């Protein structure tokens, strides 16, 4: 899911980490939005910083790609290494206790990279262009993410997806994840998408048929609560590129995937 908070978000990212942007990615507690009373960082320079961070280049087809030797890729590799070590240990402990361990992944910019869209539309959002972009189902992987999905499955950990993509985008999401190599548990019982027309009963506190008032945190934490409380899993790790993907509990550990290009509250 995207919201039109692009420029404010990337200004906040730069204020956080200067030229390195969001280099971190371990367990996080949350982040407040920018509310500066002085002149913000220059947008033109910030876009250059973002390009440097991703190592952004256009391929032969004119599609903007991140570089595999970029600071972004190196940050992802550090997160991946730490997550693998933790998943291995946490899965062993959960199985020993007779629990059913699970991991939860966001999709947009956690598993599938949207850098080309952000560059092409100058970090602005339009629902029609975004829908068309998603429905092409050809976004590249976030480096290492499909392998991390497969690694979790290999350790006997149930893989779930918790995304702000709409129910109407399910086919495109599944097709794209398959192309990217994250072909694990892509059925409707494991992939939770936003269904505003017919929301699930576990979100009844903020959503009823035809009326959706859930915030991102309410939707995503409510879904994780369903996975734990109703389906009987113990979520050992939750991965997302937005703090709103991670806040709200129902996960033993959270991993923030770097994304300086937009902010979802």
C-alpha atoms as a PDB file:
ATOM      1  CA  UNK A   1       0.000   0.000   0.000  1.00  0.00           C
ATOM      2  CA  UNK A   2       1.225   3.491  -0.825  1.00  0.00           C
ATOM      3  CA  UNK A   3       0.192   6.863   0.520  1.00  0.00           C
ATOM      4  CA  UNK A   4       1.051  10.321  -0.867  1.00  0.00           C
ATOM      5  CA  UNK A   5       3.578  11.170   1.840  1.00  0.00           C
ATOM      6  CA  UNK A   6       6.642  10.809  -0.338  1.00  0.00           C
ATOM      7  CA  UNK A   7       8.588  14.045   0.036  1.00  0.00           C
ATOM      8  CA  UNK A   8       7.963  14.527   3.752  1.00  0.00           C
ATOM      9  CA  UNK A   9       9.093  10.971   4.282  1.00  0.00           C
ATOM     10  CA  UNK A  10      12.350  11.224   2.419  1.00  0.00           C
ATOM     11  CA  UNK A  11      13.109  14.483   4.214  1.00  0.00           C
ATOM     12  CA  UNK A  12      12.604  12.694   7.509  1.00  0.00           C
ATOM     13  CA  UNK A  13      14.836   9.850   6.341  1.00  0.00           C
ATOM     14  CA  UNK A  14      17.625  12.223   5.491  1.00  0.00           C
ATOM     15  CA  UNK A  15      17.325  14.027   8.799  1.00  0.00           C
ATOM     16  CA  UNK A  16      17.670  10.663  10.487  1.00  0.00           C
ATOM     17  CA  UNK A  17      20.824   9.478   8.834  1.00  0.00           C
ATOM     18  CA  UNK A  18      22.342  12.211   6.670  1.00  0.00           C
ATOM     19  CA  UNK A  19      24.005  10.883   3.547  1.00  0.00           C
ATOM     20  CA  UNK A  20      23.511   7.254   4.555  1.00  0.00           C
ATOM     21  CA  UNK A  21      19.711   7.571   4.820  1.00  0.00           C
ATOM     22  CA  UNK A  22      18.091   4.592   6.559  1.00  0.00           C
ATOM     23  CA  UNK A  23      21.124   2.361   6.828  1.00  0.00           C
ATOM     24  CA  UNK A  24      19.839   0.412   9.826  1.00  0.00           C
ATOM     25  CA  UNK A  25      17.348  -2.407   9.854  1.00  0.00           C
ATOM     26  CA  UNK A  26      17.412  -4.370  13.082  1.00  0.00           C
ATOM     27  CA  UNK A  27      14.590  -4.483  15.603  1.00  0.00           C
ATOM     28  CA  UNK A  28      12.906  -1.080  15.833  1.00  0.00           C
ATOM     29  CA  UNK A  29      10.592   0.729  18.186  1.00  0.00           C
ATOM     30  CA  UNK A  30       9.077   3.278  15.800  1.00  0.00           C
ATOM     31  CA  UNK A  31       9.664   6.626  14.210  1.00  0.00           C
ATOM     32  CA  UNK A  32       7.917   9.973  14.368  1.00  0.00           C
ATOM     33  CA  UNK A  33       7.229  11.985  11.223  1.00  0.00           C
ATOM     34  CA  UNK A  34       9.183  15.106  10.324  1.00  0.00           C
ATOM     35  CA  UNK A  35       7.954  18.355  11.877  1.00  0.00           C
ATOM     36  CA  UNK A  36      10.764  20.768  11.179  1.00  0.00           C
ATOM     37  CA  UNK A  37      10.668  24.457  12.068  1.00  0.00           C
ATOM     38  CA  UNK A  38      13.782  25.235  10.021  1.00  0.00           C
ATOM     39  CA  UNK A  39      14.591  24.942   6.319  1.00  0.00           C
ATOM     40  CA  UNK A  40      14.384  21.255   5.332  1.00  0.00           C
ATOM     41  CA  UNK A  41      17.028  19.395   3.386  1.00  0.00           C
ATOM     42  CA  UNK A  42      17.044  20.328  -0.313  1.00  0.00           C
ATOM     43  CA  UNK A  43      14.914  17.873  -2.310  1.00  0.00           C
ATOM     44  CA  UNK A  44      17.200  17.890  -5.322  1.00  0.00           C
ATOM     45  CA  UNK A  45      20.173  16.916  -3.196  1.00  0.00           C
ATOM     46  CA  UNK A  46      18.096  14.374  -1.327  1.00  0.00           C
ATOM     47  CA  UNK A  47      17.105  12.628  -4.567  1.00  0.00           C
ATOM     48  CA  UNK A  48      20.794  12.405  -5.471  1.00  0.00           C
ATOM     49  CA  UNK A  49      21.483  10.876  -2.058  1.00  0.00           C
ATOM     50  CA  UNK A  50      18.741   8.317  -2.659  1.00  0.00           C
ATOM     51  CA  UNK A  51      20.206   7.437  -6.060  1.00  0.00           C
ATOM     52  CA  UNK A  52      23.629   6.996  -4.451  1.00  0.00           C
ATOM     53  CA  UNK A  53      22.185   4.839  -1.688  1.00  0.00           C
ATOM     54  CA  UNK A  54      20.445   2.496  -4.144  1.00  0.00           C
ATOM     55  CA  UNK A  55      23.156   2.748  -6.786  1.00  0.00           C
ATOM     56  CA  UNK A  56      20.298   3.575  -9.148  1.00  0.00           C
ATOM     57  CA  UNK A  57      20.882   2.841 -12.826  1.00  0.00           C
ATOM     58  CA  UNK A  58      18.577   2.352 -15.798  1.00  0.00           C
ATOM     59  CA  UNK A  59      18.915  -1.036 -17.478  1.00  0.00           C
ATOM     60  CA  UNK A  60      18.780  -1.688 -21.234  1.00  0.00           C
ATOM     61  CA  UNK A  61      14.978  -1.411 -21.130  1.00  0.00           C
ATOM     62  CA  UNK A  62      15.045   1.901 -19.292  1.00  0.00           C
ATOM     63  CA  UNK A  63      13.924   0.331 -16.002  1.00  0.00           C
ATOM     64  CA  UNK A  64      15.537   1.790 -12.905  1.00  0.00           C
ATOM     65  CA  UNK A  65      17.308  -0.857 -10.840  1.00  0.00           C
ATOM     66  CA  UNK A  66      19.229  -0.922  -7.580  1.00  0.00           C
ATOM     67  CA  UNK A  67      22.860  -1.994  -7.709  1.00  0.00           C
ATOM     68  CA  UNK A  68      23.998  -5.196  -6.017  1.00  0.00           C
ATOM     69  CA  UNK A  69      27.080  -3.435  -4.640  1.00  0.00           C
ATOM     70  CA  UNK A  70      25.209  -0.365  -3.353  1.00  0.00           C
ATOM     71  CA  UNK A  71      24.968   0.764   0.294  1.00  0.00           C
ATOM     72  CA  UNK A  72      21.323  -0.365   0.110  1.00  0.00           C
ATOM     73  CA  UNK A  73      22.360  -3.887  -0.891  1.00  0.00           C
ATOM     74  CA  UNK A  74      24.969  -4.005   1.863  1.00  0.00           C
ATOM     75  CA  UNK A  75      22.389  -2.951   4.470  1.00  0.00           C
ATOM     76  CA  UNK A  76      20.045  -5.675   3.233  1.00  0.00           C
ATOM     77  CA  UNK A  77      22.810  -8.258   3.454  1.00  0.00           C
ATOM     78  CA  UNK A  78      23.465  -7.349   7.099  1.00  0.00           C
ATOM     79  CA  UNK A  79      19.766  -7.607   7.923  1.00  0.00           C
ATOM     80  CA  UNK A  80      19.523 -10.939   6.098  1.00  0.00           C
ATOM     81  CA  UNK A  81      22.493 -12.407   7.951  1.00  0.00           C
ATOM     82  CA  UNK A  82      21.139 -11.391  11.355  1.00  0.00           C
ATOM     83  CA  UNK A  83      17.627 -12.593  10.510  1.00  0.00           C
ATOM     84  CA  UNK A  84      18.804 -16.008   9.359  1.00  0.00           C
ATOM     85  CA  UNK A  85      20.747 -16.563  12.559  1.00  0.00           C
ATOM     86  CA  UNK A  86      17.782 -15.472  14.660  1.00  0.00           C
ATOM     87  CA  UNK A  87      15.205 -17.520  12.706  1.00  0.00           C
ATOM     88  CA  UNK A  88      17.304 -20.653  13.085  1.00  0.00           C
ATOM     89  CA  UNK A  89      17.574 -20.198  16.860  1.00  0.00           C
ATOM     90  CA  UNK A  90      13.976 -19.063  17.404  1.00  0.00           C
ATOM     91  CA  UNK A  91      12.562 -21.878  15.272  1.00  0.00           C
ATOM     92  CA  UNK A  92      14.501 -24.497  17.254  1.00  0.00           C
ATOM     93  CA  UNK A  93      13.233 -23.079  20.548  1.00  0.00           C
ATOM     94  CA  UNK A  94       9.646 -22.844  19.314  1.00  0.00           C
ATOM     95  CA  UNK A  95       9.637 -26.411  18.054  1.00  0.00           C
ATOM     96  CA  UNK A  96      11.159 -27.604  21.320  1.00  0.00           C
ATOM     97  CA  UNK A  97       8.288 -25.916  23.207  1.00  0.00           C
ATOM     98  CA  UNK A  98       5.714 -27.479  20.904  1.00  0.00           C
ATOM     99  CA  UNK A  99       4.825 -24.141  19.303  1.00  0.00           C
ATOM    100  CA  UNK A 100       4.175 -23.414  15.638  1.00  0.00           C
ATOM    101  CA  UNK A 101       6.670 -20.709  14.598  1.00  0.00           C
ATOM    102  CA  UNK A 102       5.783 -18.259  11.839  1.00  0.00           C
ATOM    103  CA  UNK A 103       7.275 -15.284  10.064  1.00  0.00           C
ATOM    104  CA  UNK A 104       5.354 -12.431   8.461  1.00  0.00           C
ATOM    105  CA  UNK A 105       6.497 -10.417   5.448  1.00  0.00           C
ATOM    106  CA  UNK A 106       5.147  -7.210   4.011  1.00  0.00           C
ATOM    107  CA  UNK A 107       5.315  -7.203   0.187  1.00  0.00           C
ATOM    108  CA  UNK A 108       5.925  -3.712  -1.269  1.00  0.00           C
ATOM    109  CA  UNK A 109       9.614  -2.797  -0.856  1.00  0.00           C
ATOM    110  CA  UNK A 110      10.082  -5.648   1.591  1.00  0.00           C
ATOM    111  CA  UNK A 111       9.938  -8.418  -1.002  1.00  0.00           C
ATOM    112  CA  UNK A 112       9.305  -6.531  -4.265  1.00  0.00           C
ATOM    113  CA  UNK A 113      11.227  -3.360  -5.095  1.00  0.00           C
ATOM    114  CA  UNK A 114       9.289  -0.330  -6.367  1.00  0.00           C
ATOM    115  CA  UNK A 115      12.287   1.905  -7.107  1.00  0.00           C
ATOM    116  CA  UNK A 116      11.421   2.185 -10.809  1.00  0.00           C
ATOM    117  CA  UNK A 117       7.953   3.536  -9.977  1.00  0.00           C
ATOM    118  CA  UNK A 118       9.349   6.053  -7.490  1.00  0.00           C
ATOM    119  CA  UNK A 119      11.956   7.337  -9.938  1.00  0.00           C
ATOM    120  CA  UNK A 120       9.613   7.379 -12.908  1.00  0.00           C
ATOM    121  CA  UNK A 121       6.963   9.414 -11.083  1.00  0.00           C
ATOM    122  CA  UNK A 122       9.399  11.588  -9.136  1.00  0.00           C
ATOM    123  CA  UNK A 123       8.455  10.156  -5.734  1.00  0.00           C
ATOM    124  CA  UNK A 124       4.789  11.069  -6.080  1.00  0.00           C
ATOM    125  CA  UNK A 125       1.791   8.770  -5.842  1.00  0.00           C
ATOM    126  CA  UNK A 126      -1.226   8.332  -8.069  1.00  0.00           C
ATOM    127  CA  UNK A 127      -3.642   5.464  -7.485  1.00  0.00           C
ATOM    128  CA  UNK A 128      -4.142   4.768 -11.198  1.00  0.00           C
ATOM    129  CA  UNK A 129      -0.438   4.698 -12.121  1.00  0.00           C
ATOM    130  CA  UNK A 130       0.380   2.649  -9.028  1.00  0.00           C
ATOM    131  CA  UNK A 131      -2.334   0.089  -9.825  1.00  0.00           C
ATOM    132  CA  UNK A 132      -1.084  -0.222 -13.395  1.00  0.00           C
ATOM    133  CA  UNK A 133       2.484  -0.656 -12.151  1.00  0.00           C
ATOM    134  CA  UNK A 134       1.524  -3.384  -9.657  1.00  0.00           C
ATOM    135  CA  UNK A 135      -0.592  -5.194 -12.226  1.00  0.00           C
ATOM    136  CA  UNK A 136       2.382  -5.510 -14.601  1.00  0.00           C
ATOM    137  CA  UNK A 137       3.733  -7.998 -12.026  1.00  0.00           C
ATOM    138  CA  UNK A 138       7.355  -7.489 -13.021  1.00  0.00           C
ATOM    139  CA  UNK A 139       8.933  -5.761 -10.036  1.00  0.00           C
ATOM    140  CA  UNK A 140      12.374  -7.098  -9.134  1.00  0.00           C
ATOM    141  CA  UNK A 141      13.093  -8.693  -5.797  1.00  0.00           C
ATOM    142  CA  UNK A 142      14.400  -6.798  -2.822  1.00  0.00           C
ATOM    143  CA  UNK A 143      17.879  -8.321  -2.719  1.00  0.00           C
ATOM    144  CA  UNK A 144      17.954 -11.515  -0.665  1.00  0.00           C
ATOM    145  CA  UNK A 145      14.291 -11.506   0.296  1.00  0.00           C
ATOM    146  CA  UNK A 146      13.091 -14.542  -1.700  1.00  0.00           C
ATOM    147  CA  UNK A 147      15.994 -16.535  -0.311  1.00  0.00           C
ATOM    148  CA  UNK A 148      15.044 -15.452   3.218  1.00  0.00           C
ATOM    149  CA  UNK A 149      11.465 -16.605   2.639  1.00  0.00           C
ATOM    150  CA  UNK A 150      12.774 -19.974   1.449  1.00  0.00           C
ATOM    151  CA  UNK A 151      15.197 -20.175   4.359  1.00  0.00           C
ATOM    152  CA  UNK A 152      12.417 -19.687   6.892  1.00  0.00           C
ATOM    153  CA  UNK A 153      10.372 -22.422   5.250  1.00  0.00           C
ATOM    154  CA  UNK A 154      13.384 -24.758   5.301  1.00  0.00           C
ATOM    155  CA  UNK A 155      13.567 -24.330   9.083  1.00  0.00           C
ATOM    156  CA  UNK A 156       9.980 -25.452   9.525  1.00  0.00           C
ATOM    157  CA  UNK A 157       8.656 -21.910   9.933  1.00  0.00           C
ATOM    158  CA  UNK A 158       5.271 -21.035   8.436  1.00  0.00           C
ATOM    159  CA  UNK A 159       5.460 -18.080   6.053  1.00  0.00           C
ATOM    160  CA  UNK A 160       2.686 -15.468   5.937  1.00  0.00           C
ATOM    161  CA  UNK A 161       2.314 -12.232   3.976  1.00  0.00           C
ATOM    162  CA  UNK A 162       0.607  -9.130   5.372  1.00  0.00           C
ATOM    163  CA  UNK A 163       0.245  -6.438   2.716  1.00  0.00           C
ATOM    164  CA  UNK A 164      -1.625  -3.218   2.078  1.00  0.00           C
ATOM    165  CA  UNK A 165      -2.161  -4.273  -1.532  1.00  0.00           C
ATOM    166  CA  UNK A 166      -5.846  -4.633  -2.332  1.00  0.00           C
ATOM    167  CA  UNK A 167      -7.724  -7.859  -2.827  1.00  0.00           C
ATOM    168  CA  UNK A 168      -8.083  -6.907  -6.498  1.00  0.00           C
ATOM    169  CA  UNK A 169      -4.287  -7.024  -6.820  1.00  0.00           C
ATOM    170  CA  UNK A 170      -3.924 -10.571  -5.488  1.00  0.00           C
ATOM    171  CA  UNK A 171      -3.267 -12.253  -8.837  1.00  0.00           C
ATOM    172  CA  UNK A 172      -0.589  -9.718  -9.769  1.00  0.00           C
ATOM    173  CA  UNK A 173       1.053 -10.023  -6.336  1.00  0.00           C
ATOM    174  CA  UNK A 174       1.167 -13.812  -6.540  1.00  0.00           C
ATOM    175  CA  UNK A 175       2.521 -13.780 -10.105  1.00  0.00           C
ATOM    176  CA  UNK A 176       5.195 -11.229  -9.211  1.00  0.00           C
ATOM    177  CA  UNK A 177       6.316 -13.081  -6.088  1.00  0.00           C
ATOM    178  CA  UNK A 178       6.623 -16.280  -8.113  1.00  0.00           C
ATOM    179  CA  UNK A 179       8.760 -14.494 -10.710  1.00  0.00           C
ATOM    180  CA  UNK A 180      10.938 -13.056  -7.946  1.00  0.00           C
ATOM    181  CA  UNK A 181      11.501 -16.484  -6.413  1.00  0.00           C
ATOM    182  CA  UNK A 182       9.363 -16.134  -3.277  1.00  0.00           C
ATOM    183  CA  UNK A 183       7.092 -19.013  -4.280  1.00  0.00           C
ATOM    184  CA  UNK A 184       6.139 -20.113  -0.773  1.00  0.00           C
ATOM    185  CA  UNK A 185       2.596 -20.244   0.652  1.00  0.00           C
ATOM    186  CA  UNK A 186       1.058 -17.855  -1.863  1.00  0.00           C
ATOM    187  CA  UNK A 187      -2.485 -19.080  -1.217  1.00  0.00           C
ATOM    188  CA  UNK A 188      -5.239 -16.969   0.321  1.00  0.00           C
ATOM    189  CA  UNK A 189      -4.806 -18.649   3.718  1.00  0.00           C
ATOM    190  CA  UNK A 190      -1.284 -17.251   3.977  1.00  0.00           C
ATOM    191  CA  UNK A 191      -1.417 -14.008   1.998  1.00  0.00           C
ATOM    192  CA  UNK A 192      -3.482 -11.330   3.716  1.00  0.00           C
ATOM    193  CA  UNK A 193      -4.466  -8.396   1.505  1.00  0.00           C
ATOM    194  CA  UNK A 194      -6.715  -5.437   2.214  1.00  0.00           C
ATOM    195  CA  UNK A 195     -10.343  -6.274   1.496  1.00  0.00           C
ATOM    196  CA  UNK A 196     -12.288  -3.076   2.155  1.00  0.00           C
ATOM    197  CA  UNK A 197     -15.513  -4.385   0.596  1.00  0.00           C
ATOM    198  CA  UNK A 198     -15.689  -7.492   2.766  1.00  0.00           C
ATOM    199  CA  UNK A 199     -13.251  -7.183   5.678  1.00  0.00           C
ATOM    200  CA  UNK A 200     -12.592 -10.144   7.982  1.00  0.00           C
ATOM    201  CA  UNK A 201     -14.353 -10.355  11.327  1.00  0.00           C
ATOM    202  CA  UNK A 202     -11.122 -10.010  13.289  1.00  0.00           C
ATOM    203  CA  UNK A 203     -10.948  -6.379  12.069  1.00  0.00           C
ATOM    204  CA  UNK A 204     -14.527  -5.601  13.092  1.00  0.00           C
ATOM    205  CA  UNK A 205     -13.328  -2.891  15.477  1.00  0.00           C
ATOM    206  CA  UNK A 206     -12.302  -0.691  12.551  1.00  0.00           C
ATOM    207  CA  UNK A 207     -13.818  -2.273   9.446  1.00  0.00           C
ATOM    208  CA  UNK A 208     -17.242  -3.492   8.405  1.00  0.00           C
ATOM    209  CA  UNK A 209     -18.487  -4.289   4.879  1.00  0.00           C
ATOM    210  CA  UNK A 210     -18.223  -1.084   2.867  1.00  0.00           C
ATOM    211  CA  UNK A 211     -16.761   0.936   5.744  1.00  0.00           C
ATOM    212  CA  UNK A 212     -13.028   0.822   6.374  1.00  0.00           C
ATOM    213  CA  UNK A 213     -11.456   3.042   9.050  1.00  0.00           C
ATOM    214  CA  UNK A 214      -8.477   0.880  10.027  1.00  0.00           C
ATOM    215  CA  UNK A 215      -5.107   2.568  10.185  1.00  0.00           C
ATOM    216  CA  UNK A 216      -2.179   0.640   8.746  1.00  0.00           C
ATOM    217  CA  UNK A 217      -1.099  -0.318  12.261  1.00  0.00           C
ATOM    218  CA  UNK A 218      -4.593  -1.511  13.179  1.00  0.00           C
ATOM    219  CA  UNK A 219      -4.910  -3.541   9.981  1.00  0.00           C
ATOM    220  CA  UNK A 220      -1.502  -5.145  10.133  1.00  0.00           C
ATOM    221  CA  UNK A 221      -1.336  -5.781  13.874  1.00  0.00           C
ATOM    222  CA  UNK A 222      -4.922  -7.069  13.793  1.00  0.00           C
ATOM    223  CA  UNK A 223      -3.938  -9.518  11.077  1.00  0.00           C
ATOM    224  CA  UNK A 224      -0.922 -10.679  13.062  1.00  0.00           C
ATOM    225  CA  UNK A 225      -3.197 -11.085  16.074  1.00  0.00           C
ATOM    226  CA  UNK A 226      -5.426 -13.321  13.960  1.00  0.00           C
ATOM    227  CA  UNK A 227      -2.425 -15.426  12.916  1.00  0.00           C
ATOM    228  CA  UNK A 228      -1.413 -15.895  16.533  1.00  0.00           C
ATOM    229  CA  UNK A 229      -4.704 -15.964  18.434  1.00  0.00           C
ATOM    230  CA  UNK A 230      -6.986 -17.662  15.907  1.00  0.00           C
ATOM    231  CA  UNK A 231      -4.600 -19.751  13.807  1.00  0.00           C
ATOM    232  CA  UNK A 232      -2.359 -20.754  16.693  1.00  0.00           C
ATOM    233  CA  UNK A 233       1.061 -19.635  15.433  1.00  0.00           C
ATOM    234  CA  UNK A 234       3.844 -17.873  17.285  1.00  0.00           C
ATOM    235  CA  UNK A 235       5.201 -15.072  15.097  1.00  0.00           C
ATOM    236  CA  UNK A 236       8.928 -15.103  15.730  1.00  0.00           C
ATOM    237  CA  UNK A 237       9.760 -12.352  13.221  1.00  0.00           C
ATOM    238  CA  UNK A 238       7.956  -9.631  11.283  1.00  0.00           C
ATOM    239  CA  UNK A 239       9.561  -7.892   8.286  1.00  0.00           C
ATOM    240  CA  UNK A 240       8.528  -4.567   6.779  1.00  0.00           C
ATOM    241  CA  UNK A 241       9.887  -1.436   5.145  1.00  0.00           C
ATOM    242  CA  UNK A 242       7.542   0.861   7.107  1.00  0.00           C
ATOM    243  CA  UNK A 243       7.321   1.312  10.859  1.00  0.00           C
ATOM    244  CA  UNK A 244       3.559   0.932  10.478  1.00  0.00           C
ATOM    245  CA  UNK A 245       4.261  -2.600   9.186  1.00  0.00           C
ATOM    246  CA  UNK A 246       5.940  -3.392  12.494  1.00  0.00           C
ATOM    247  CA  UNK A 247       4.152  -1.485  15.239  1.00  0.00           C
ATOM    248  CA  UNK A 248       1.294  -2.938  17.265  1.00  0.00           C
ATOM    249  CA  UNK A 249       2.841  -6.088  18.704  1.00  0.00           C
ATOM    250  CA  UNK A 250       2.164  -9.726  17.841  1.00  0.00           C
ATOM    251  CA  UNK A 251       5.764 -10.468  16.854  1.00  0.00           C
ATOM    252  CA  UNK A 252       8.728 -11.529  18.946  1.00  0.00           C
ATOM    253  CA  UNK A 253      11.128  -9.510  16.816  1.00  0.00           C
ATOM    254  CA  UNK A 254      10.768  -6.932  14.039  1.00  0.00           C
ATOM    255  CA  UNK A 255      13.102  -6.147  11.146  1.00  0.00           C
ATOM    256  CA  UNK A 256      12.967  -2.776   9.412  1.00  0.00           C
ATOM    257  CA  UNK A 257      13.872  -3.051   5.724  1.00  0.00           C
ATOM    258  CA  UNK A 258      15.472   0.183   4.442  1.00  0.00           C
ATOM    259  CA  UNK A 259      13.256   2.396   2.262  1.00  0.00           C
ATOM    260  CA  UNK A 260      13.935   6.143   2.102  1.00  0.00           C
ATOM    261  CA  UNK A 261      11.487   6.802  -0.767  1.00  0.00           C
ATOM    262  CA  UNK A 262       8.088   7.091   0.974  1.00  0.00           C
ATOM    263  CA  UNK A 263       6.365   6.911   4.337  1.00  0.00           C
ATOM    264  CA  UNK A 264       3.137   5.087   5.248  1.00  0.00           C
ATOM    265  CA  UNK A 265       1.601   6.180   8.530  1.00  0.00           C
END
